[in-house]
Amino acid sequence: MESINVRGYGSLVNAMGNQTRSLKPELGIGVTELMYSDRHPFTVTKIISDTKIEVTADTSTRIDENGASESQEYRYEPDKKAVPITLRLNKFGRWKMVGDPKGSTFLVGRREEYYDFTR
């Protein structure tokens, strides 16, 4: 059984997301930025090539009433003021922001916001 490297991540969910193959990008598909333990939603707004896409941040509004809990539910909408960023698929199959190869990984095919209240 292959182990998951959780070093550099504050949550198992983000570590697993970093090891997950992204879907093939399509216009309008959701994207999740995997931070240390938080996650932020984006949308694919332009396909430049098979290995380069443009994404724009979404706004997320919490719609549950669970307080400072791991159980969180959000509504997502395009952020009309967001500046698009360009992502490139690296040799390891991970989407990274152009100019920041060691930064956050972006998981194409899932749109998710999560705030870690324990940090």
Protein backbone atom coordinates (compact mmCIF):
# COMPACT_ATOMS: atom_id res chain seq x y z
CA MET A 1 0.00 0.00 0.00
CA GLU A 2 1.37 3.42 -0.98
CA SER A 3 1.66 5.97 1.83
CA ILE A 4 0.62 9.60 1.57
CA ASN A 5 3.20 12.21 2.45
CA VAL A 6 1.46 14.69 4.76
CA ARG A 7 4.54 16.81 5.45
CA GLY A 8 3.90 20.38 4.39
CA TYR A 9 0.14 20.03 4.85
CA GLY A 10 -1.98 20.76 7.88
CA SER A 11 -4.71 18.33 6.89
CA LEU A 12 -4.95 14.84 5.49
CA VAL A 13 -7.60 16.04 3.00
CA ASN A 14 -5.16 18.56 1.48
CA ALA A 15 -2.31 16.01 1.43
CA MET A 16 -4.57 13.54 -0.39
CA GLY A 17 -5.71 16.26 -2.81
CA ASN A 18 -2.09 17.03 -3.62
CA GLN A 19 -1.60 13.36 -4.57
CA THR A 20 -4.82 13.20 -6.64
CA ARG A 21 -4.81 13.49 -10.43
CA SER A 22 -6.75 16.48 -11.62
CA LEU A 23 -9.45 16.17 -14.25
CA LYS A 24 -8.84 17.46 -17.76
CA PRO A 25 -9.57 21.21 -17.60
CA GLU A 26 -12.76 22.49 -19.22
CA LEU A 27 -14.16 26.02 -19.25
CA GLY A 28 -16.26 26.64 -16.15
CA ILE A 29 -15.02 23.62 -14.18
CA GLY A 30 -14.18 24.13 -10.51
CA VAL A 31 -10.64 24.30 -9.14
CA THR A 32 -9.48 24.16 -5.51
CA GLU A 33 -6.30 25.78 -4.23
CA LEU A 34 -4.80 23.51 -1.57
CA MET A 35 -3.16 25.60 1.12
CA TYR A 36 -1.55 24.30 4.36
CA SER A 37 -4.94 23.26 5.75
CA ASP A 38 -7.35 25.75 4.12
CA ARG A 39 -8.83 25.45 0.63
CA HIS A 40 -10.04 28.16 -1.74
CA PRO A 41 -12.35 27.96 -4.81
CA PHE A 42 -11.55 28.99 -8.38
CA THR A 43 -13.05 28.48 -11.85
CA VAL A 44 -11.29 27.68 -15.14
CA THR A 45 -11.85 30.75 -17.33
CA LYS A 46 -9.46 30.07 -20.22
CA ILE A 47 -7.64 27.07 -21.65
CA ILE A 48 -4.34 28.24 -23.11
CA SER A 49 -2.93 24.78 -23.93
CA ASP A 50 -3.00 21.20 -22.61
CA THR A 51 -0.59 22.22 -19.86
CA LYS A 52 -1.55 25.85 -19.23
CA ILE A 53 -4.86 27.32 -18.04
CA GLU A 54 -6.21 30.53 -16.59
CA VAL A 55 -8.35 30.47 -13.43
CA THR A 56 -10.23 33.15 -11.52
CA ALA A 57 -11.04 33.14 -7.80
CA ASP A 58 -14.61 32.59 -6.69
CA THR A 59 -16.34 34.13 -3.71
CA SER A 60 -17.65 31.73 -1.11
CA THR A 61 -20.46 32.40 1.36
CA ARG A 62 -20.90 30.07 4.28
CA ILE A 63 -24.48 28.78 4.36
CA ASP A 64 -24.46 26.35 7.28
CA GLU A 65 -24.91 27.23 10.95
CA ASN A 66 -22.25 24.91 12.37
CA GLY A 67 -19.98 27.61 13.81
CA ALA A 68 -16.29 26.84 14.27
CA SER A 69 -16.63 23.29 12.99
CA GLU A 70 -15.09 21.01 10.38
CA SER A 71 -18.54 20.55 8.86
CA GLN A 72 -18.78 23.55 6.51
CA GLU A 73 -21.08 24.24 3.58
CA TYR A 74 -20.62 27.09 1.09
CA ARG A 75 -22.29 28.76 -1.88
CA TYR A 76 -19.93 29.80 -4.69
CA GLU A 77 -20.17 32.68 -7.13
CA PRO A 78 -17.72 34.23 -9.59
CA ASP A 79 -15.69 37.10 -8.14
CA LYS A 80 -16.08 39.82 -10.77
CA LYS A 81 -13.13 41.77 -9.29
CA ALA A 82 -10.73 38.82 -9.22
CA VAL A 83 -7.60 38.98 -11.34
CA PRO A 84 -7.05 35.79 -13.39
CA ILE A 85 -3.98 33.73 -12.62
CA THR A 86 -2.20 31.30 -14.93
CA LEU A 87 -1.53 27.71 -13.89
CA ARG A 88 0.88 25.26 -15.50
CA LEU A 89 0.80 21.46 -15.24
CA ASN A 90 4.21 20.36 -13.97
CA LYS A 91 6.06 17.12 -14.69
CA PHE A 92 4.55 15.54 -11.56
CA GLY A 93 0.99 16.11 -12.80
CA ARG A 94 0.26 18.99 -10.41
CA TRP A 95 -1.14 22.39 -11.37
CA LYS A 96 1.01 25.22 -10.01
CA MET A 97 0.84 28.99 -10.47
CA VAL A 98 3.20 30.20 -13.19
CA GLY A 99 6.21 31.74 -11.45
CA ASP A 100 5.57 29.87 -8.16
CA PRO A 101 6.51 26.20 -8.75
CA LYS A 102 6.87 25.46 -5.02
CA GLY A 103 3.64 27.22 -4.03
CA SER A 104 0.12 25.88 -3.60
CA THR A 105 -1.18 23.00 -5.68
CA PHE A 106 -4.46 23.56 -7.54
CA LEU A 107 -6.80 20.58 -7.94
CA VAL A 108 -8.82 20.83 -11.17
CA GLY A 109 -12.28 19.26 -11.04
CA ARG A 110 -13.34 20.23 -7.54
CA ARG A 111 -14.45 23.63 -6.19
CA GLU A 112 -14.14 23.85 -2.43
CA GLU A 113 -13.70 26.38 0.38
CA TYR A 114 -12.59 25.24 3.81
CA TYR A 115 -11.39 27.28 6.77
CA ASP A 116 -9.36 25.55 9.49
CA PHE A 117 -10.49 27.11 12.77
CA THR A 118 -7.74 25.32 14.74
CA ARG A 119 -4.92 27.39 13.25
